[in-house]
Amino acid sequence: MKEKQRISIYLDDELVKRADLLQAAAGCKSRNEFVSAALESYIADVTLEKHGDVLCGKLATAIEKAVDYEAVKISKGLFRYAVELEVILTMLAQMNEFTPAELRAMRKEAINNVRRMRGKVRLDDLFTRADCDSL
């Protein structure tokens, strides 16, 4: 439990009534808790107003570092998937012979399908399509 200090303050009657009405809505169990939360909020507002540029700069830097870290993780994951896809495509190419024109047609159709499906292409959808002859 934090050390607490008893202080006396004088407030307008109307301010106390308004605070009492909002105390429960703010999730505070007592006047002390409500006044402490209100004071902490006010201190934060004044601090932000006084030092906002510094805090915003630091926050922006922290966010940028976090985003960069996540971008590296995503990039590494995509690289791993691309390697596995390359292995599968190499096996497929060694098992079948396609003409350059057939490959261009398949690539064009794949691009159109991915655009149409917004990237959510599923393998089983390819087998159930009506135009299986193009595969």
N, C-alpha and C. Protein backbone atom coordinates (compact mmCIF):
# COMPACT_ATOMS: atom_id res chain seq x y z
N MET A 1 0.84 -1.19 0.00
CA MET A 1 0.00 0.00 0.00
C MET A 1 0.88 1.24 0.00
N LYS A 2 0.53 2.22 -0.81
CA LYS A 2 1.29 3.46 -0.91
C LYS A 2 1.11 4.28 0.37
N GLU A 3 2.15 5.05 0.67
CA GLU A 3 2.05 6.01 1.78
C GLU A 3 1.06 7.08 1.38
N LYS A 4 0.17 7.42 2.28
CA LYS A 4 -0.80 8.46 2.00
C LYS A 4 -0.64 9.56 3.02
N GLN A 5 -1.00 10.75 2.58
CA GLN A 5 -0.92 11.92 3.45
C GLN A 5 -2.28 12.56 3.53
N ARG A 6 -2.71 12.86 4.73
CA ARG A 6 -4.01 13.52 4.91
C ARG A 6 -3.80 15.01 4.72
N ILE A 7 -4.66 15.58 3.84
CA ILE A 7 -4.62 17.03 3.62
C ILE A 7 -6.04 17.56 3.71
N SER A 8 -6.16 18.83 3.94
CA SER A 8 -7.48 19.46 3.97
C SER A 8 -7.58 20.39 2.78
N ILE A 9 -8.67 20.28 2.08
CA ILE A 9 -8.92 21.19 0.97
C ILE A 9 -10.34 21.71 1.10
N TYR A 10 -10.55 22.88 0.55
CA TYR A 10 -11.87 23.48 0.57
C TYR A 10 -12.36 23.57 -0.88
N LEU A 11 -13.57 23.04 -1.12
CA LEU A 11 -14.15 23.04 -2.45
C LEU A 11 -15.53 23.67 -2.41
N ASP A 12 -15.93 24.27 -3.53
CA ASP A 12 -17.28 24.82 -3.63
C ASP A 12 -18.29 23.70 -3.49
N ASP A 13 -19.42 24.00 -2.86
CA ASP A 13 -20.47 23.01 -2.67
C ASP A 13 -20.92 22.41 -4.01
N GLU A 14 -21.08 23.27 -5.01
CA GLU A 14 -21.55 22.81 -6.33
C GLU A 14 -20.54 21.85 -6.95
N LEU A 15 -19.25 22.11 -6.80
CA LEU A 15 -18.21 21.23 -7.33
C LEU A 15 -18.26 19.87 -6.64
N VAL A 16 -18.46 19.86 -5.35
CA VAL A 16 -18.56 18.60 -4.60
C VAL A 16 -19.78 17.80 -5.07
N LYS A 17 -20.91 18.46 -5.29
CA LYS A 17 -22.12 17.77 -5.77
C LYS A 17 -21.88 17.15 -7.14
N ARG A 18 -21.25 17.92 -8.03
CA ARG A 18 -20.97 17.39 -9.38
C ARG A 18 -20.01 16.21 -9.31
N ALA A 19 -19.02 16.31 -8.43
CA ALA A 19 -18.06 15.22 -8.29
C ALA A 19 -18.74 13.97 -7.73
N ASP A 20 -19.62 14.16 -6.76
CA ASP A 20 -20.33 13.02 -6.18
C ASP A 20 -21.20 12.32 -7.24
N LEU A 21 -21.79 13.08 -8.15
CA LEU A 21 -22.62 12.49 -9.20
C LEU A 21 -21.78 11.66 -10.18
N LEU A 22 -20.55 12.09 -10.41
CA LEU A 22 -19.71 11.41 -11.38
C LEU A 22 -18.82 10.31 -10.78
N GLN A 23 -18.73 10.27 -9.48
CA GLN A 23 -17.82 9.33 -8.81
C GLN A 23 -18.08 7.89 -9.22
N ALA A 24 -19.30 7.43 -9.15
CA ALA A 24 -19.62 6.04 -9.49
C ALA A 24 -19.41 5.79 -10.99
N ALA A 25 -19.80 6.77 -11.81
CA ALA A 25 -19.64 6.61 -13.26
C ALA A 25 -18.16 6.49 -13.63
N ALA A 26 -17.30 7.11 -12.84
CA ALA A 26 -15.86 7.04 -13.11
C ALA A 26 -15.24 5.75 -12.55
N GLY A 27 -16.05 4.95 -11.87
CA GLY A 27 -15.56 3.69 -11.32
C GLY A 27 -14.79 3.84 -10.03
N CYS A 28 -15.01 4.95 -9.34
CA CYS A 28 -14.31 5.20 -8.08
C CYS A 28 -15.20 4.81 -6.91
N LYS A 29 -14.58 4.17 -5.91
CA LYS A 29 -15.33 3.68 -4.76
C LYS A 29 -15.51 4.74 -3.67
N SER A 30 -14.68 5.78 -3.72
CA SER A 30 -14.75 6.80 -2.67
C SER A 30 -14.41 8.16 -3.24
N ARG A 31 -14.72 9.20 -2.47
CA ARG A 31 -14.33 10.56 -2.86
C ARG A 31 -12.82 10.66 -3.00
N ASN A 32 -12.12 10.05 -2.05
CA ASN A 32 -10.64 10.12 -2.10
C ASN A 32 -10.12 9.55 -3.42
N GLU A 33 -10.65 8.40 -3.81
CA GLU A 33 -10.22 7.77 -5.06
C GLU A 33 -10.55 8.66 -6.25
N PHE A 34 -11.74 9.27 -6.24
CA PHE A 34 -12.16 10.13 -7.33
C PHE A 34 -11.28 11.37 -7.42
N VAL A 35 -11.03 12.01 -6.30
CA VAL A 35 -10.20 13.22 -6.29
C VAL A 35 -8.77 12.87 -6.71
N SER A 36 -8.25 11.75 -6.26
CA SER A 36 -6.90 11.34 -6.66
C SER A 36 -6.82 11.11 -8.16
N ALA A 37 -7.82 10.43 -8.73
CA ALA A 37 -7.83 10.17 -10.17
C ALA A 37 -7.95 11.48 -10.95
N ALA A 38 -8.79 12.38 -10.47
CA ALA A 38 -8.97 13.67 -11.14
C ALA A 38 -7.67 14.48 -11.09
N LEU A 39 -7.01 14.47 -9.96
CA LEU A 39 -5.76 15.21 -9.81
C LEU A 39 -4.66 14.63 -10.69
N GLU A 40 -4.58 13.29 -10.75
CA GLU A 40 -3.58 12.66 -11.62
C GLU A 40 -3.85 13.00 -13.08
N SER A 41 -5.11 13.01 -13.47
CA SER A 41 -5.47 13.36 -14.84
C SER A 41 -5.09 14.81 -15.14
N TYR A 42 -5.36 15.69 -14.21
CA TYR A 42 -5.02 17.10 -14.41
C TYR A 42 -3.51 17.29 -14.49
N ILE A 43 -2.77 16.61 -13.63
CA ILE A 43 -1.30 16.71 -13.67
C ILE A 43 -0.78 16.20 -15.02
N ALA A 44 -1.35 15.12 -15.52
CA ALA A 44 -0.94 14.58 -16.82
C ALA A 44 -1.23 15.59 -17.93
N ASP A 45 -2.40 16.22 -17.87
CA ASP A 45 -2.75 17.23 -18.88
C ASP A 45 -1.78 18.41 -18.86
N VAL A 46 -1.47 18.90 -17.68
CA VAL A 46 -0.55 20.04 -17.56
C VAL A 46 0.84 19.65 -18.04
N THR A 47 1.29 18.46 -17.65
CA THR A 47 2.61 17.98 -18.08
C THR A 47 2.66 17.83 -19.59
N LEU A 48 1.63 17.26 -20.17
CA LEU A 48 1.58 17.09 -21.62
C LEU A 48 1.57 18.43 -22.33
N GLU A 49 0.80 19.37 -21.78
CA GLU A 49 0.74 20.71 -22.38
C GLU A 49 2.10 21.39 -22.31
N LYS A 50 2.79 21.21 -21.20
CA LYS A 50 4.08 21.87 -21.00
C LYS A 50 5.20 21.18 -21.77
N HIS A 51 5.17 19.85 -21.81
CA HIS A 51 6.25 19.08 -22.42
C HIS A 51 5.76 18.21 -23.56
N GLY A 52 4.64 18.58 -24.17
CA GLY A 52 4.02 17.76 -25.19
C GLY A 52 4.91 17.43 -26.36
N ASP A 53 5.69 18.41 -26.82
CA ASP A 53 6.55 18.17 -27.98
C ASP A 53 7.58 17.09 -27.68
N VAL A 54 8.14 17.13 -26.48
CA VAL A 54 9.16 16.14 -26.11
C VAL A 54 8.51 14.76 -25.98
N LEU A 55 7.36 14.70 -25.30
CA LEU A 55 6.68 13.42 -25.11
C LEU A 55 6.21 12.84 -26.43
N CYS A 56 5.65 13.68 -27.30
CA CYS A 56 5.18 13.19 -28.60
C CYS A 56 6.34 12.67 -29.43
N GLY A 57 7.47 13.36 -29.38
CA GLY A 57 8.66 12.91 -30.11
C GLY A 57 9.14 11.57 -29.61
N LYS A 58 9.19 11.41 -28.30
CA LYS A 58 9.63 10.15 -27.71
C LYS A 58 8.64 9.03 -28.04
N LEU A 59 7.36 9.33 -27.99
CA LEU A 59 6.35 8.34 -28.31
C LEU A 59 6.45 7.93 -29.78
N ALA A 60 6.65 8.91 -30.65
CA ALA A 60 6.79 8.61 -32.08
C ALA A 60 8.01 7.72 -32.33
N THR A 61 9.10 8.01 -31.64
CA THR A 61 10.32 7.20 -31.79
C THR A 61 10.08 5.78 -31.30
N ALA A 62 9.41 5.63 -30.17
CA ALA A 62 9.12 4.30 -29.63
C ALA A 62 8.21 3.52 -30.57
N ILE A 63 7.21 4.17 -31.13
CA ILE A 63 6.31 3.50 -32.06
C ILE A 63 7.06 3.09 -33.31
N GLU A 64 7.92 3.97 -33.81
CA GLU A 64 8.70 3.66 -35.01
C GLU A 64 9.60 2.44 -34.79
N LYS A 65 10.23 2.36 -33.64
CA LYS A 65 11.08 1.20 -33.33
C LYS A 65 10.25 -0.08 -33.28
N ALA A 66 9.08 -0.01 -32.66
CA ALA A 66 8.22 -1.19 -32.56
C ALA A 66 7.75 -1.64 -33.94
N VAL A 67 7.38 -0.68 -34.78
CA VAL A 67 6.92 -1.01 -36.14
C VAL A 67 8.07 -1.60 -36.95
N ASP A 68 9.26 -1.02 -36.83
CA ASP A 68 10.41 -1.56 -37.55
C ASP A 68 10.70 -3.00 -37.14
N TYR A 69 10.62 -3.27 -35.86
CA TYR A 69 10.86 -4.63 -35.35
C TYR A 69 9.85 -5.61 -35.93
N GLU A 70 8.57 -5.22 -35.92
CA GLU A 70 7.53 -6.09 -36.46
C GLU A 70 7.68 -6.26 -37.97
N ALA A 71 8.10 -5.22 -38.67
CA ALA A 71 8.30 -5.32 -40.12
C ALA A 71 9.41 -6.32 -40.44
N VAL A 72 10.45 -6.33 -39.63
CA VAL A 72 11.54 -7.29 -39.84
C VAL A 72 11.03 -8.71 -39.61
N LYS A 73 10.22 -8.91 -38.57
CA LYS A 73 9.66 -10.24 -38.30
C LYS A 73 8.78 -10.70 -39.46
N ILE A 74 7.94 -9.81 -39.96
CA ILE A 74 7.06 -10.16 -41.08
C ILE A 74 7.89 -10.47 -42.31
N SER A 75 8.90 -9.66 -42.57
CA SER A 75 9.76 -9.87 -43.74
C SER A 75 10.46 -11.22 -43.68
N LYS A 76 10.96 -11.59 -42.50
CA LYS A 76 11.63 -12.88 -42.35
C LYS A 76 10.64 -14.03 -42.56
N GLY A 77 9.42 -13.87 -42.06
CA GLY A 77 8.40 -14.90 -42.26
C GLY A 77 8.05 -15.06 -43.73
N LEU A 78 7.88 -13.94 -44.42
CA LEU A 78 7.58 -14.00 -45.85
C LEU A 78 8.73 -14.64 -46.63
N PHE A 79 9.96 -14.36 -46.22
CA PHE A 79 11.11 -14.98 -46.88
C PHE A 79 11.07 -16.50 -46.73
N ARG A 80 10.76 -16.97 -45.51
CA ARG A 80 10.67 -18.42 -45.28
C ARG A 80 9.58 -19.04 -46.16
N TYR A 81 8.43 -18.39 -46.24
CA TYR A 81 7.35 -18.91 -47.09
C TYR A 81 7.76 -18.91 -48.56
N ALA A 82 8.47 -17.87 -48.99
CA ALA A 82 8.90 -17.80 -50.39
C ALA A 82 9.87 -18.93 -50.71
N VAL A 83 10.75 -19.27 -49.75
CA VAL A 83 11.69 -20.38 -49.97
C VAL A 83 10.92 -21.69 -50.14
N GLU A 84 9.94 -21.95 -49.27
CA GLU A 84 9.16 -23.18 -49.37
C GLU A 84 8.37 -23.22 -50.67
N LEU A 85 7.82 -22.09 -51.07
CA LEU A 85 7.08 -22.03 -52.33
C LEU A 85 8.01 -22.31 -53.51
N GLU A 86 9.22 -21.79 -53.45
CA GLU A 86 10.21 -22.05 -54.50
C GLU A 86 10.52 -23.54 -54.60
N VAL A 87 10.63 -24.21 -53.47
CA VAL A 87 10.89 -25.66 -53.48
C VAL A 87 9.73 -26.39 -54.15
N ILE A 88 8.51 -26.05 -53.78
CA ILE A 88 7.33 -26.69 -54.37
C ILE A 88 7.27 -26.43 -55.87
N LEU A 89 7.53 -25.20 -56.28
CA LEU A 89 7.48 -24.87 -57.70
C LEU A 89 8.58 -25.58 -58.48
N THR A 90 9.74 -25.73 -57.88
CA THR A 90 10.82 -26.46 -58.54
C THR A 90 10.43 -27.92 -58.75
N MET A 91 9.82 -28.54 -57.73
CA MET A 91 9.37 -29.92 -57.88
C MET A 91 8.31 -30.03 -58.97
N LEU A 92 7.36 -29.10 -59.00
CA LEU A 92 6.31 -29.11 -60.01
C LEU A 92 6.89 -28.93 -61.41
N ALA A 93 7.84 -28.01 -61.55
CA ALA A 93 8.44 -27.76 -62.86
C ALA A 93 9.21 -28.98 -63.36
N GLN A 94 9.82 -29.71 -62.45
CA GLN A 94 10.58 -30.89 -62.85
C GLN A 94 9.64 -32.04 -63.24
N MET A 95 8.41 -32.03 -62.76
CA MET A 95 7.46 -33.10 -63.06
C MET A 95 6.66 -32.81 -64.33
N ASN A 96 6.52 -31.56 -64.71
CA ASN A 96 5.69 -31.18 -65.86
C ASN A 96 6.46 -30.24 -66.77
N GLU A 97 6.08 -30.27 -68.03
CA GLU A 97 6.66 -29.34 -68.99
C GLU A 97 5.56 -28.42 -69.49
N PHE A 98 5.76 -27.12 -69.28
CA PHE A 98 4.81 -26.11 -69.74
C PHE A 98 5.51 -25.20 -70.72
N THR A 99 4.77 -24.77 -71.71
CA THR A 99 5.32 -23.82 -72.68
C THR A 99 5.32 -22.44 -72.04
N PRO A 100 6.17 -21.53 -72.52
CA PRO A 100 6.16 -20.16 -72.00
C PRO A 100 4.78 -19.50 -72.12
N ALA A 101 4.06 -19.79 -73.18
CA ALA A 101 2.71 -19.22 -73.35
C ALA A 101 1.76 -19.75 -72.28
N GLU A 102 1.85 -21.04 -71.95
CA GLU A 102 1.00 -21.61 -70.91
C GLU A 102 1.32 -20.99 -69.55
N LEU A 103 2.60 -20.78 -69.27
CA LEU A 103 2.99 -20.16 -68.01
C LEU A 103 2.47 -18.72 -67.92
N ARG A 104 2.57 -17.97 -69.01
CA ARG A 104 2.05 -16.59 -69.02
C ARG A 104 0.55 -16.58 -68.77
N ALA A 105 -0.17 -17.51 -69.40
CA ALA A 105 -1.62 -17.58 -69.21
C ALA A 105 -1.97 -17.93 -67.76
N MET A 106 -1.23 -18.88 -67.18
CA MET A 106 -1.49 -19.25 -65.78
C MET A 106 -1.19 -18.08 -64.85
N ARG A 107 -0.10 -17.36 -65.12
CA ARG A 107 0.27 -16.21 -64.27
C ARG A 107 -0.79 -15.12 -64.37
N LYS A 108 -1.27 -14.84 -65.59
CA LYS A 108 -2.30 -13.82 -65.78
C LYS A 108 -3.57 -14.20 -65.03
N GLU A 109 -3.97 -15.45 -65.14
CA GLU A 109 -5.17 -15.91 -64.44
C GLU A 109 -4.98 -15.85 -62.93
N ALA A 110 -3.79 -16.22 -62.47
CA ALA A 110 -3.52 -16.18 -61.03
C ALA A 110 -3.58 -14.74 -60.50
N ILE A 111 -3.02 -13.81 -61.26
CA ILE A 111 -3.07 -12.40 -60.84
C ILE A 111 -4.52 -11.93 -60.76
N ASN A 112 -5.31 -12.25 -61.77
CA ASN A 112 -6.73 -11.85 -61.76
C ASN A 112 -7.48 -12.48 -60.59
N ASN A 113 -7.21 -13.76 -60.31
CA ASN A 113 -7.89 -14.44 -59.20
C ASN A 113 -7.52 -13.83 -57.86
N VAL A 114 -6.24 -13.55 -57.66
CA VAL A 114 -5.80 -12.96 -56.39
C VAL A 114 -6.42 -11.58 -56.21
N ARG A 115 -6.44 -10.79 -57.28
CA ARG A 115 -7.08 -9.47 -57.18
C ARG A 115 -8.56 -9.60 -56.86
N ARG A 116 -9.24 -10.49 -57.55
CA ARG A 116 -10.67 -10.68 -57.36
C ARG A 116 -10.98 -11.17 -55.95
N MET A 117 -10.15 -12.05 -55.44
CA MET A 117 -10.38 -12.64 -54.12
C MET A 117 -9.68 -11.87 -53.00
N ARG A 118 -9.04 -10.75 -53.35
CA ARG A 118 -8.31 -9.90 -52.38
C ARG A 118 -7.28 -10.71 -51.60
N GLY A 119 -6.58 -11.59 -52.28
CA GLY A 119 -5.51 -12.36 -51.67
C GLY A 119 -5.94 -13.59 -50.91
N LYS A 120 -7.22 -13.86 -50.84
CA LYS A 120 -7.71 -14.99 -50.05
C LYS A 120 -8.00 -16.20 -50.95
N VAL A 121 -7.01 -16.60 -51.70
CA VAL A 121 -7.17 -17.74 -52.60
C VAL A 121 -6.86 -19.01 -51.83
N ARG A 122 -7.73 -19.99 -51.98
CA ARG A 122 -7.53 -21.28 -51.31
C ARG A 122 -7.32 -22.34 -52.38
N LEU A 123 -6.48 -23.31 -52.09
CA LEU A 123 -6.16 -24.37 -53.04
C LEU A 123 -7.40 -25.16 -53.44
N ASP A 124 -8.28 -25.47 -52.46
CA ASP A 124 -9.46 -26.26 -52.80
C ASP A 124 -10.41 -25.49 -53.72
N ASP A 125 -10.38 -24.14 -53.67
CA ASP A 125 -11.19 -23.35 -54.59
C ASP A 125 -10.74 -23.57 -56.03
N LEU A 126 -9.45 -23.75 -56.22
CA LEU A 126 -8.94 -23.97 -57.58
C LEU A 126 -9.46 -25.28 -58.16
N PHE A 127 -9.64 -26.28 -57.33
CA PHE A 127 -10.10 -27.58 -57.81
C PHE A 127 -11.61 -27.61 -58.03
N THR A 128 -12.35 -26.73 -57.40
CA THR A 128 -13.81 -26.73 -57.54
C THR A 128 -14.31 -25.70 -58.53
N ARG A 129 -13.41 -24.90 -59.11
CA ARG A 129 -13.83 -23.89 -60.08
C ARG A 129 -14.40 -24.56 -61.33
N ALA A 130 -15.25 -23.84 -62.00
CA ALA A 130 -15.88 -24.38 -63.21
C ALA A 130 -14.90 -24.47 -64.38
N ASP A 131 -13.88 -23.59 -64.38
CA ASP A 131 -12.96 -23.55 -65.51
C ASP A 131 -11.66 -24.32 -65.20
N CYS A 132 -11.79 -25.53 -64.71
CA CYS A 132 -10.62 -26.36 -64.37
C CYS A 132 -9.75 -26.69 -65.59
N ASP A 133 -10.31 -26.51 -66.78
CA ASP A 133 -9.55 -26.80 -67.98
C ASP A 133 -8.33 -25.88 -68.09
N SER A 134 -8.43 -24.67 -67.50
CA SER A 134 -7.31 -23.74 -67.61
C SER A 134 -6.14 -24.13 -66.71
N LEU A 135 -6.37 -25.06 -65.80
CA LEU A 135 -5.27 -25.51 -64.93
C LEU A 135 -4.43 -26.46 -65.72
